[in-house]
Amino acid sequence: MSAPNLAALQAALQNDVMHGEQKTLDQLSVPVGAEKADRLGVYQYAYKARLISILATDYDTLWSFLGDQVFHDAADRYLDKHPSGYFNARWVGKGFAEYLKSDPMLQAHPIAAEIAALEWTIGVAFDAENSPVALMEDLAKVPAEQVAQAIFVPIPACTLLKFKTNAHAIYTALKSNQTPPAPANLAEETGVQIWRLELMSRYKKLTTEETALLELSLQGADFAMLCETAAFLDDPDTAAARVAGCITGWLNTGLITRIDIG
């Protein structure tokens, strides 16, 4: 067999293994007494089992929450619907949390998707682009007359997630080897901030106001807009002070990469 034909066969076989197809069966050679479909199936099974193992590593807290069988079955369905198209196995589970929202067995339990989203985002924060970190000294350099136009730009590793369940509480308990609370829907949607500080991914549950302010900052809102929002959410007389306190917290925990003037 010529080299080009061999390369084509290898590519076709790889496609069969990755996508569960059997287009190369007629071209396969197996020992006497062996079935071609069985031999191909061994490779297909081993490939998917490896990917499920990777998902279990990336989502080990979700795995603990769901249990072996439920997690394995959900991962199996995910890979059937979303075969890996990445050369780097790190990204096999990129769409898993989103998939769980419509998974036929788990879509009625949104907490699974929310735990997965939190776990994945925490992992991605560690891999996020490096950036400078703004300090309180940088804020002090902003002229008083321009403070209203100041824009506090979050670091690339910062993400805001919004949850309708107590996924945050369950995830935190499981990571601390504690008994998690029973799954429950929240009376009010809750924000969770994920970011990286000193080479460690971190996460924090936010108040309604903190959630609104961080969301606006991620959208590029300036200090004046943050204060308007805070005034709407709570006492207008203390809005500016509350926003200033929130920004101080951001700067002290490495959440801001720079301060722009709009």
Protein backbone atom coordinates (compact mmCIF):
# COMPACT_ATOMS: atom_id res chain seq x y z
CA MET A 1 0.00 0.00 0.00
CA SER A 2 1.40 3.38 -0.93
CA ALA A 3 2.12 6.02 1.70
CA PRO A 4 -0.70 8.36 0.62
CA ASN A 5 -3.23 5.49 0.84
CA LEU A 6 -1.89 4.51 4.25
CA ALA A 7 -2.23 8.08 5.47
CA ALA A 8 -5.79 8.22 4.18
CA LEU A 9 -6.63 4.95 5.92
CA GLN A 10 -5.13 6.19 9.16
CA ALA A 11 -7.19 9.37 8.97
CA ALA A 12 -10.36 7.42 8.20
CA LEU A 13 -9.70 4.98 11.05
CA GLN A 14 -9.12 7.87 13.42
CA ASN A 15 -12.45 9.34 12.35
CA ASP A 16 -14.18 6.01 13.01
CA VAL A 17 -12.65 5.78 16.48
CA MET A 18 -13.49 9.36 17.38
CA HIS A 19 -17.03 9.41 15.99
CA GLY A 20 -18.19 5.84 16.53
CA GLU A 21 -18.48 5.08 12.81
CA GLN A 22 -17.50 1.96 10.82
CA LYS A 23 -16.47 3.28 7.43
CA THR A 24 -13.11 1.50 7.50
CA LEU A 25 -14.32 -1.99 8.45
CA ASP A 26 -13.72 -3.47 5.00
CA GLN A 27 -10.11 -2.24 5.02
CA LEU A 28 -9.16 -3.61 8.44
CA SER A 29 -7.10 -6.77 8.98
CA VAL A 30 -7.74 -8.85 12.10
CA PRO A 31 -6.53 -12.25 13.35
CA VAL A 32 -8.36 -15.35 12.15
CA GLY A 33 -11.54 -15.85 14.14
CA ALA A 34 -11.77 -12.22 15.22
CA GLU A 35 -14.54 -9.86 14.13
CA LYS A 36 -13.56 -6.56 12.55
CA ALA A 37 -16.43 -4.72 14.24
CA ASP A 38 -15.39 -6.09 17.65
CA ARG A 39 -11.77 -5.08 17.14
CA LEU A 40 -12.75 -1.57 16.06
CA GLY A 41 -15.17 -1.40 18.97
CA VAL A 42 -12.32 -2.02 21.43
CA TYR A 43 -10.53 1.09 20.20
CA GLN A 44 -13.73 3.13 20.17
CA TYR A 45 -14.54 2.08 23.73
CA ALA A 46 -11.02 2.82 24.96
CA TYR A 47 -11.03 6.24 23.32
CA LYS A 48 -14.36 7.28 24.85
CA ALA A 49 -13.38 5.84 28.23
CA ARG A 50 -10.27 8.01 28.20
CA LEU A 51 -12.31 11.11 27.41
CA ILE A 52 -14.77 10.31 30.19
CA SER A 53 -11.81 9.96 32.54
CA ILE A 54 -10.65 13.43 31.51
CA LEU A 55 -14.12 14.84 32.16
CA ALA A 56 -14.15 13.19 35.58
CA THR A 57 -10.85 14.92 36.39
CA ASP A 58 -12.02 18.32 35.18
CA TYR A 59 -15.38 17.94 36.92
CA ASP A 60 -14.44 15.91 39.96
CA THR A 61 -16.77 17.86 42.28
CA LEU A 62 -19.71 17.35 39.93
CA TRP A 63 -18.71 13.68 39.74
CA SER A 64 -18.86 13.46 43.55
CA PHE A 65 -22.24 15.15 43.55
CA LEU A 66 -23.84 12.99 40.85
CA GLY A 67 -22.17 9.68 41.67
CA ASP A 68 -20.28 7.32 39.37
CA GLN A 69 -23.10 5.98 37.21
CA VAL A 70 -25.05 9.20 36.67
CA PHE A 71 -21.89 11.14 35.86
CA HIS A 72 -20.57 8.44 33.53
CA ASP A 73 -23.87 8.22 31.64
CA ALA A 74 -24.13 12.00 31.29
CA ALA A 75 -20.53 12.21 30.06
CA ASP A 76 -21.21 9.40 27.59
CA ARG A 77 -24.24 11.21 26.19
CA TYR A 78 -22.29 14.47 25.99
CA LEU A 79 -19.49 12.88 23.97
CA ASP A 80 -22.00 11.24 21.63
CA LYS A 81 -23.57 14.60 20.92
CA HIS A 82 -20.37 16.65 21.03
CA PRO A 83 -17.38 14.59 19.82
CA SER A 84 -14.09 16.18 20.79
CA GLY A 85 -12.66 18.43 18.10
CA TYR A 86 -9.66 19.58 20.11
CA PHE A 87 -6.05 18.47 19.80
CA ASN A 88 -5.56 19.44 23.46
CA ALA A 89 -7.54 17.19 25.80
CA ARG A 90 -7.76 20.11 28.25
CA TRP A 91 -10.74 21.45 26.31
CA VAL A 92 -12.78 18.26 25.91
CA GLY A 93 -15.18 19.40 28.63
CA LYS A 94 -15.57 23.00 27.45
CA GLY A 95 -19.22 22.56 26.50
CA PHE A 96 -20.22 20.09 29.21
CA ALA A 97 -21.92 22.58 31.54
CA GLU A 98 -23.95 24.05 28.69
CA TYR A 99 -24.87 20.57 27.46
CA LEU A 100 -26.21 19.56 30.87
CA LYS A 101 -28.90 22.25 30.57
CA SER A 102 -30.55 20.14 27.88
CA ASP A 103 -29.37 16.65 28.81
CA PRO A 104 -32.43 14.36 28.70
CA MET A 105 -31.78 12.96 32.18
CA LEU A 106 -30.51 16.08 33.97
CA GLN A 107 -32.20 19.09 32.39
CA ALA A 108 -34.90 18.88 35.07
CA HIS A 109 -32.13 19.34 37.65
CA PRO A 110 -30.43 22.64 36.73
CA ILE A 111 -28.15 22.43 39.73
CA ALA A 112 -25.94 19.94 37.84
CA ALA A 113 -25.30 22.42 35.04
CA GLU A 114 -24.62 25.21 37.54
CA ILE A 115 -22.12 23.15 39.55
CA ALA A 116 -20.43 22.23 36.27
CA ALA A 117 -20.32 25.88 35.15
CA LEU A 118 -18.72 26.95 38.43
CA GLU A 119 -16.18 24.14 38.37
CA TRP A 120 -15.18 24.73 34.75
CA THR A 121 -14.93 28.50 35.14
CA ILE A 122 -12.70 28.14 38.20
CA GLY A 123 -10.40 25.95 36.13
CA VAL A 124 -10.40 28.34 33.19
CA ALA A 125 -9.55 31.27 35.47
CA PHE A 126 -6.25 29.57 36.24
CA ASP A 127 -5.45 29.33 32.52
CA ALA A 128 -6.55 32.87 31.68
CA GLU A 129 -4.26 35.46 30.15
CA ASN A 130 -1.87 37.21 32.51
CA SER A 131 -2.35 40.93 33.00
CA PRO A 132 -1.09 43.80 35.17
CA VAL A 133 -3.01 44.46 38.38
CA ALA A 134 -4.14 47.96 39.36
CA LEU A 135 -3.50 49.11 42.92
CA MET A 136 -4.98 51.72 45.27
CA GLU A 137 -2.10 54.00 44.23
CA ASP A 138 -3.44 53.95 40.68
CA LEU A 139 -6.83 55.11 41.90
CA ALA A 140 -5.18 57.93 43.85
CA LYS A 141 -3.67 59.21 40.59
CA VAL A 142 -7.10 59.78 39.00
CA PRO A 143 -7.87 63.53 39.08
CA ALA A 144 -10.90 64.32 41.25
CA GLU A 145 -12.72 65.95 38.35
CA GLN A 146 -12.39 62.73 36.30
CA VAL A 147 -13.45 60.18 38.91
CA ALA A 148 -17.01 60.05 37.56
CA GLN A 149 -15.64 58.91 34.16
CA ALA A 150 -13.27 56.33 35.65
CA ILE A 151 -13.73 52.80 34.28
CA PHE A 152 -12.44 49.93 36.40
CA VAL A 153 -11.45 47.20 33.95
CA PRO A 154 -11.52 43.66 35.40
CA ILE A 155 -8.63 41.28 34.74
CA PRO A 156 -9.09 38.70 31.91
CA ALA A 157 -9.38 35.96 34.55
CA CYS A 158 -12.52 37.55 36.03
CA THR A 159 -15.93 36.00 35.27
CA LEU A 160 -19.37 36.56 36.74
CA LEU A 161 -21.82 33.65 36.90
CA LYS A 162 -25.44 33.89 37.98
CA PHE A 163 -27.10 30.95 39.72
CA LYS A 164 -30.73 30.09 40.37
CA THR A 165 -29.83 27.18 42.67
CA ASN A 166 -27.59 26.68 45.70
CA ALA A 167 -24.86 25.21 43.48
CA HIS A 168 -22.29 27.49 45.13
CA ALA A 169 -23.07 26.15 48.60
CA ILE A 170 -22.98 22.53 47.42
CA TYR A 171 -19.72 23.01 45.53
CA THR A 172 -18.10 24.74 48.52
CA ALA A 173 -19.17 21.98 50.91
CA LEU A 174 -17.93 19.20 48.65
CA LYS A 175 -14.56 20.91 48.11
CA SER A 176 -14.23 21.15 51.90
CA ASN A 177 -15.13 17.47 52.36
CA GLN A 178 -18.28 18.47 54.21
CA THR A 179 -21.82 17.18 53.80
CA PRO A 180 -23.48 19.42 51.21
CA PRO A 181 -26.93 20.93 51.72
CA ALA A 182 -29.84 19.44 49.82
CA PRO A 183 -30.27 20.86 46.30
CA ALA A 184 -32.60 23.85 46.30
CA ASN A 185 -33.76 26.68 44.10
CA LEU A 186 -32.95 30.18 45.34
CA ALA A 187 -35.59 32.82 45.98
CA GLU A 188 -33.37 35.30 44.15
CA GLU A 189 -30.71 34.79 41.49
CA THR A 190 -27.24 34.97 43.04
CA GLY A 191 -23.98 36.11 41.50
CA VAL A 192 -20.64 34.35 41.95
CA GLN A 193 -17.38 36.07 41.07
CA ILE A 194 -14.51 33.91 39.79
CA TRP A 195 -11.00 35.27 39.33
CA ARG A 196 -7.33 34.46 39.81
CA LEU A 197 -5.19 35.94 42.58
CA GLU A 198 -1.56 35.06 43.24
CA LEU A 199 -1.63 32.04 40.90
CA MET A 200 -4.76 30.63 42.54
CA SER A 201 -8.30 30.52 41.19
CA ARG A 202 -10.79 31.96 43.65
CA TYR A 203 -14.54 32.37 43.83
CA LYS A 204 -16.88 34.46 45.95
CA LYS A 205 -20.64 34.67 46.41
CA LEU A 206 -21.89 38.22 45.85
CA THR A 207 -24.74 40.32 47.12
CA THR A 208 -27.34 41.62 44.67
CA GLU A 209 -25.61 45.00 44.55
CA GLU A 210 -22.13 43.53 44.16
CA THR A 211 -23.41 41.38 41.32
CA ALA A 212 -24.89 44.39 39.51
CA LEU A 213 -21.73 46.48 39.95
CA LEU A 214 -19.40 43.76 38.71
CA GLU A 215 -21.64 43.01 35.74
CA LEU A 216 -21.62 46.69 34.77
CA SER A 217 -17.85 46.90 35.15
CA LEU A 218 -17.40 43.89 32.89
CA GLN A 219 -19.52 45.80 30.36
CA GLY A 220 -17.32 48.92 30.63
CA ALA A 221 -19.52 51.14 32.80
CA ASP A 222 -17.91 54.12 34.53
CA PHE A 223 -18.05 55.20 38.17
CA ALA A 224 -21.04 57.48 37.59
CA MET A 225 -23.07 54.60 36.15
CA LEU A 226 -22.08 52.35 39.04
CA CYS A 227 -23.30 54.98 41.49
CA GLU A 228 -26.60 55.42 39.63
CA THR A 229 -27.19 51.69 39.82
CA ALA A 230 -26.30 51.54 43.52
CA ALA A 231 -28.67 54.45 44.21
CA PHE A 232 -31.47 52.53 42.53
CA LEU A 233 -30.76 49.36 44.50
CA ASP A 234 -30.41 50.89 47.98
CA ASP A 235 -30.08 54.18 49.88
CA PRO A 236 -29.16 56.88 47.33
CA ASP A 237 -27.39 58.96 49.98
CA THR A 238 -24.76 56.27 50.56
CA ALA A 239 -24.52 54.97 46.99
CA ALA A 240 -21.18 56.58 46.15
CA ALA A 241 -19.63 55.37 49.40
CA ARG A 242 -20.87 51.82 48.81
CA VAL A 243 -19.48 51.80 45.29
CA ALA A 244 -16.17 53.17 46.53
CA GLY A 245 -16.04 50.40 49.11
CA CYS A 246 -16.72 47.79 46.45
CA ILE A 247 -13.99 49.19 44.20
CA THR A 248 -11.56 49.20 47.12
CA GLY A 249 -12.29 45.52 47.58
CA TRP A 250 -11.69 44.87 43.88
CA LEU A 251 -8.34 46.65 43.97
CA ASN A 252 -7.23 44.89 47.16
CA THR A 253 -8.02 41.45 45.74
CA GLY A 254 -6.38 41.90 42.34
CA LEU A 255 -9.61 42.06 40.36
CA ILE A 256 -8.80 45.21 38.34
CA THR A 257 -6.17 45.33 35.63
CA ARG A 258 -6.33 49.07 34.89
CA ILE A 259 -8.34 52.24 35.40
CA ASP A 260 -9.40 53.99 32.19
CA ILE A 261 -10.93 57.42 31.82
CA GLY A 262 -13.95 57.31 29.55
